[in-house]
């Protein structure tokens, strides 16, 4: 749970909350904020306070890597080579 004190507008609180997604939890750098689960905005004199309930997850370990076999790499290269390049300024969608 995180709090925001003395915001001038609710828009300020919303921008702050949206900016938290994908970042580390303050004072807990091993955890990443995934989403805002619930929030409460409380009017105060000249502004607002807010409380946010967040969904967090532990950051993946930096040394965790995915190992691909040579056969997997060849298949990936074949699949991506078959995708036509879109003309500049256009996007090609699959049929």
N, C-alpha and C. Protein backbone atom coordinates (compact mmCIF):
# COMPACT_ATOMS: atom_id res chain seq x y z
N UNK A 1 0.85 -1.16 0.00
CA UNK A 1 0.00 0.00 0.00
C UNK A 1 0.90 1.23 0.00
N UNK A 2 0.57 2.20 -0.85
CA UNK A 2 1.30 3.45 -0.92
C UNK A 2 0.34 4.61 -0.74
N UNK A 3 0.85 5.71 -0.26
CA UNK A 3 0.03 6.90 -0.08
C UNK A 3 0.62 8.09 -0.82
N UNK A 4 -0.25 9.03 -1.15
CA UNK A 4 0.15 10.28 -1.79
C UNK A 4 -0.51 11.38 -0.99
N UNK A 5 0.29 12.31 -0.52
CA UNK A 5 -0.24 13.38 0.33
C UNK A 5 -0.22 14.72 -0.38
N UNK A 6 -1.24 15.49 -0.12
CA UNK A 6 -1.35 16.88 -0.54
C UNK A 6 -1.26 17.09 -2.05
N UNK A 7 -1.98 16.31 -2.81
CA UNK A 7 -2.07 16.53 -4.26
C UNK A 7 -3.03 17.68 -4.50
N UNK A 8 -2.75 18.47 -5.51
CA UNK A 8 -3.63 19.58 -5.84
C UNK A 8 -4.87 19.09 -6.58
N UNK A 9 -4.69 18.12 -7.49
CA UNK A 9 -5.81 17.60 -8.28
C UNK A 9 -5.82 16.08 -8.26
N UNK A 10 -6.96 15.51 -8.59
CA UNK A 10 -7.06 14.06 -8.71
C UNK A 10 -6.27 13.58 -9.93
N UNK A 11 -6.17 14.42 -10.95
CA UNK A 11 -5.38 14.09 -12.13
C UNK A 11 -3.91 13.88 -11.75
N UNK A 12 -3.41 14.68 -10.84
CA UNK A 12 -2.04 14.53 -10.35
C UNK A 12 -1.85 13.16 -9.70
N UNK A 13 -2.83 12.72 -8.92
CA UNK A 13 -2.77 11.41 -8.28
C UNK A 13 -2.81 10.31 -9.33
N UNK A 14 -3.69 10.44 -10.31
CA UNK A 14 -3.81 9.43 -11.37
C UNK A 14 -2.51 9.31 -12.16
N UNK A 15 -1.89 10.43 -12.49
CA UNK A 15 -0.63 10.40 -13.24
C UNK A 15 0.46 9.73 -12.41
N UNK A 16 0.51 10.03 -11.12
CA UNK A 16 1.48 9.40 -10.24
C UNK A 16 1.26 7.89 -10.18
N UNK A 17 0.00 7.48 -9.99
CA UNK A 17 -0.32 6.05 -9.89
C UNK A 17 0.01 5.32 -11.18
N UNK A 18 -0.33 5.90 -12.32
CA UNK A 18 -0.01 5.26 -13.60
C UNK A 18 1.49 5.17 -13.82
N UNK A 19 2.24 6.13 -13.32
CA UNK A 19 3.68 6.13 -13.45
C UNK A 19 4.38 5.08 -12.59
N UNK A 20 3.67 4.53 -11.61
CA UNK A 20 4.26 3.51 -10.74
C UNK A 20 4.38 2.15 -11.40
N UNK A 21 3.50 1.86 -12.36
CA UNK A 21 3.45 0.54 -12.98
C UNK A 21 4.80 0.22 -13.63
N UNK A 22 5.33 -0.95 -13.28
CA UNK A 22 6.59 -1.41 -13.85
C UNK A 22 7.82 -0.94 -13.10
N UNK A 23 7.64 -0.11 -12.09
CA UNK A 23 8.78 0.39 -11.32
C UNK A 23 8.94 -0.37 -10.02
N UNK A 24 10.07 -0.16 -9.37
CA UNK A 24 10.34 -0.81 -8.09
C UNK A 24 9.48 -0.18 -7.00
N UNK A 25 9.11 -0.99 -6.02
CA UNK A 25 8.36 -0.50 -4.86
C UNK A 25 9.30 0.35 -4.02
N UNK A 26 8.90 1.57 -3.65
CA UNK A 26 9.77 2.40 -2.83
C UNK A 26 10.21 1.66 -1.56
N UNK A 27 11.49 1.72 -1.28
CA UNK A 27 12.12 1.06 -0.12
C UNK A 27 12.16 -0.46 -0.23
N UNK A 28 11.66 -1.04 -1.32
CA UNK A 28 11.71 -2.49 -1.55
C UNK A 28 12.14 -2.73 -3.00
N UNK A 29 13.40 -2.49 -3.33
CA UNK A 29 13.83 -2.56 -4.73
C UNK A 29 13.77 -3.96 -5.35
N UNK A 30 13.56 -4.99 -4.53
CA UNK A 30 13.46 -6.34 -5.08
C UNK A 30 12.06 -6.64 -5.61
N UNK A 31 11.13 -5.69 -5.46
CA UNK A 31 9.76 -5.91 -5.89
C UNK A 31 9.33 -4.87 -6.92
N UNK A 32 8.56 -5.33 -7.89
CA UNK A 32 8.08 -4.50 -8.99
C UNK A 32 6.57 -4.31 -8.86
N UNK A 33 6.10 -3.09 -9.12
CA UNK A 33 4.67 -2.81 -9.09
C UNK A 33 4.06 -3.29 -10.40
N UNK A 34 3.04 -4.15 -10.29
CA UNK A 34 2.40 -4.73 -11.46
C UNK A 34 1.14 -3.94 -11.85
N UNK A 35 0.31 -3.62 -10.85
CA UNK A 35 -0.91 -2.86 -11.14
C UNK A 35 -1.48 -2.27 -9.87
N UNK A 36 -2.35 -1.29 -10.06
CA UNK A 36 -3.10 -0.71 -8.95
C UNK A 36 -4.37 -1.54 -8.80
N UNK A 37 -4.56 -2.13 -7.62
CA UNK A 37 -5.71 -3.00 -7.38
C UNK A 37 -6.90 -2.17 -6.92
N UNK A 38 -6.66 -1.23 -6.03
CA UNK A 38 -7.73 -0.42 -5.47
C UNK A 38 -7.13 0.90 -5.01
N UNK A 39 -7.95 1.96 -5.02
CA UNK A 39 -7.46 3.24 -4.52
C UNK A 39 -8.59 3.97 -3.81
N UNK A 40 -8.19 4.90 -2.97
CA UNK A 40 -9.15 5.74 -2.28
C UNK A 40 -8.60 7.16 -2.26
N UNK A 41 -9.40 8.10 -2.69
CA UNK A 41 -9.03 9.52 -2.69
C UNK A 41 -9.82 10.21 -1.60
N UNK A 42 -9.10 10.97 -0.76
CA UNK A 42 -9.75 11.67 0.35
C UNK A 42 -9.54 13.17 0.18
N UNK A 43 -10.64 13.93 0.10
CA UNK A 43 -10.48 15.39 0.00
C UNK A 43 -9.94 15.96 1.31
N UNK A 44 -9.01 16.87 1.19
CA UNK A 44 -8.47 17.59 2.34
C UNK A 44 -8.53 19.07 2.00
N UNK A 45 -8.17 19.91 2.93
CA UNK A 45 -8.18 21.35 2.66
C UNK A 45 -7.18 21.64 1.54
N UNK A 46 -7.63 22.27 0.47
CA UNK A 46 -6.81 22.65 -0.68
C UNK A 46 -6.22 21.47 -1.44
N UNK A 47 -6.89 20.33 -1.53
CA UNK A 47 -6.37 19.24 -2.33
C UNK A 47 -6.88 17.88 -1.92
N UNK A 48 -6.03 16.88 -2.12
CA UNK A 48 -6.44 15.49 -1.90
C UNK A 48 -5.27 14.67 -1.36
N UNK A 49 -5.60 13.64 -0.60
CA UNK A 49 -4.68 12.57 -0.23
C UNK A 49 -5.21 11.30 -0.89
N UNK A 50 -4.34 10.34 -1.12
CA UNK A 50 -4.77 9.09 -1.75
C UNK A 50 -4.02 7.92 -1.14
N UNK A 51 -4.69 6.77 -1.10
CA UNK A 51 -4.09 5.51 -0.70
C UNK A 51 -4.30 4.53 -1.85
N UNK A 52 -3.24 3.80 -2.19
CA UNK A 52 -3.31 2.83 -3.28
C UNK A 52 -2.92 1.46 -2.77
N UNK A 53 -3.72 0.47 -3.11
CA UNK A 53 -3.39 -0.93 -2.87
C UNK A 53 -2.81 -1.45 -4.17
N UNK A 54 -1.58 -1.97 -4.11
CA UNK A 54 -0.87 -2.37 -5.31
C UNK A 54 -0.65 -3.87 -5.37
N UNK A 55 -0.62 -4.39 -6.59
CA UNK A 55 -0.21 -5.77 -6.84
C UNK A 55 1.27 -5.71 -7.20
N UNK A 56 2.10 -6.44 -6.46
CA UNK A 56 3.53 -6.43 -6.72
C UNK A 56 4.03 -7.84 -6.96
N UNK A 57 5.19 -7.93 -7.59
CA UNK A 57 5.84 -9.22 -7.81
C UNK A 57 7.33 -9.03 -7.60
N UNK A 58 8.00 -10.12 -7.31
CA UNK A 58 9.44 -10.04 -7.12
C UNK A 58 10.11 -9.92 -8.49
N UNK A 59 11.10 -9.02 -8.59
CA UNK A 59 11.84 -8.87 -9.84
C UNK A 59 12.48 -10.19 -10.18
N UNK A 60 12.54 -10.55 -11.46
CA UNK A 60 13.27 -11.78 -11.83
C UNK A 60 14.75 -11.59 -11.54
N UNK A 61 15.40 -12.67 -11.18
CA UNK A 61 16.83 -12.62 -10.92
C UNK A 61 17.56 -12.25 -12.20
N UNK A 62 18.56 -11.39 -12.09
CA UNK A 62 19.30 -10.94 -13.26
C UNK A 62 20.05 -12.07 -13.95
N UNK A 63 20.44 -13.07 -13.19
CA UNK A 63 21.21 -14.15 -13.79
C UNK A 63 20.33 -15.22 -14.43
N UNK A 64 19.01 -15.07 -14.31
CA UNK A 64 18.11 -16.03 -14.96
C UNK A 64 18.10 -15.76 -16.46
N UNK A 65 18.41 -16.76 -17.24
CA UNK A 65 18.42 -16.63 -18.69
C UNK A 65 17.70 -17.83 -19.30
N UNK A 66 17.18 -17.61 -20.48
CA UNK A 66 16.54 -18.68 -21.21
C UNK A 66 17.56 -19.25 -22.19
N UNK A 67 17.73 -20.55 -22.16
CA UNK A 67 18.67 -21.20 -23.06
C UNK A 67 17.89 -21.76 -24.24
N UNK A 68 18.30 -21.36 -25.45
CA UNK A 68 17.67 -21.87 -26.66
C UNK A 68 18.60 -22.87 -27.33
N UNK A 69 17.99 -23.92 -27.83
CA UNK A 69 18.77 -24.90 -28.59
C UNK A 69 19.00 -24.34 -30.00
N UNK A 70 20.02 -24.84 -30.66
CA UNK A 70 20.33 -24.41 -32.03
C UNK A 70 19.13 -24.66 -32.95
N UNK A 71 18.43 -25.77 -32.75
CA UNK A 71 17.25 -26.09 -33.58
C UNK A 71 16.15 -25.04 -33.38
N UNK A 72 15.98 -24.57 -32.14
CA UNK A 72 14.98 -23.54 -31.85
C UNK A 72 15.33 -22.24 -32.56
N UNK A 73 16.59 -21.88 -32.53
CA UNK A 73 17.04 -20.64 -33.16
C UNK A 73 16.79 -20.70 -34.66
N UNK A 74 17.05 -21.85 -35.28
CA UNK A 74 16.82 -22.00 -36.72
C UNK A 74 15.35 -21.84 -37.06
N UNK A 75 14.47 -22.43 -36.25
CA UNK A 75 13.03 -22.30 -36.50
C UNK A 75 12.59 -20.85 -36.36
N UNK A 76 13.07 -20.17 -35.35
CA UNK A 76 12.73 -18.76 -35.14
C UNK A 76 13.19 -17.92 -36.33
N UNK A 77 14.41 -18.16 -36.79
CA UNK A 77 14.93 -17.43 -37.95
C UNK A 77 14.09 -17.70 -39.19
N UNK A 78 13.66 -18.95 -39.42
CA UNK A 78 12.83 -19.28 -40.58
C UNK A 78 11.48 -18.58 -40.50
N UNK A 79 10.88 -18.59 -39.30
CA UNK A 79 9.57 -17.96 -39.14
C UNK A 79 9.64 -16.45 -39.35
N UNK A 80 10.65 -15.83 -38.80
CA UNK A 80 10.74 -14.37 -38.93
C UNK A 80 11.15 -13.95 -40.34
N UNK A 81 11.90 -14.80 -41.04
CA UNK A 81 12.29 -14.49 -42.41
C UNK A 81 11.09 -14.55 -43.35
N UNK A 82 10.07 -15.32 -42.99
CA UNK A 82 8.89 -15.47 -43.84
C UNK A 82 7.93 -14.29 -43.70
N UNK A 83 8.15 -13.42 -42.73
CA UNK A 83 7.28 -12.27 -42.53
C UNK A 83 7.72 -11.16 -43.47
N UNK A 84 6.81 -10.71 -44.37
CA UNK A 84 7.20 -9.67 -45.33
C UNK A 84 7.39 -8.33 -44.63
N UNK A 85 8.30 -7.54 -45.15
CA UNK A 85 8.53 -6.19 -44.64
C UNK A 85 7.39 -5.29 -45.12
N UNK A 86 6.89 -4.46 -44.23
CA UNK A 86 5.85 -3.50 -44.61
C UNK A 86 6.51 -2.30 -45.29
N UNK A 87 5.83 -1.73 -46.30
CA UNK A 87 6.37 -0.50 -46.90
C UNK A 87 6.49 0.58 -45.82
N UNK A 88 7.43 1.48 -45.99
CA UNK A 88 7.67 2.51 -44.99
C UNK A 88 6.40 3.32 -44.73
N UNK A 89 6.07 3.48 -43.48
CA UNK A 89 4.88 4.25 -43.10
C UNK A 89 3.62 3.42 -43.04
N UNK A 90 3.70 2.13 -43.34
CA UNK A 90 2.52 1.26 -43.32
C UNK A 90 2.76 0.10 -42.38
N UNK A 91 1.67 -0.47 -41.88
CA UNK A 91 1.73 -1.64 -41.03
C UNK A 91 1.01 -2.79 -41.70
N UNK A 92 1.67 -3.94 -41.79
CA UNK A 92 1.05 -5.12 -42.38
C UNK A 92 0.44 -5.96 -41.28
N UNK A 93 -0.82 -6.28 -41.41
CA UNK A 93 -1.51 -7.12 -40.44
C UNK A 93 -1.69 -8.51 -41.01
N UNK A 94 -1.58 -9.56 -40.17
CA UNK A 94 -1.79 -10.91 -40.66
C UNK A 94 -3.23 -11.12 -41.09
N UNK A 95 -3.41 -11.98 -42.08
CA UNK A 95 -4.78 -12.25 -42.58
C UNK A 95 -5.47 -13.27 -41.75
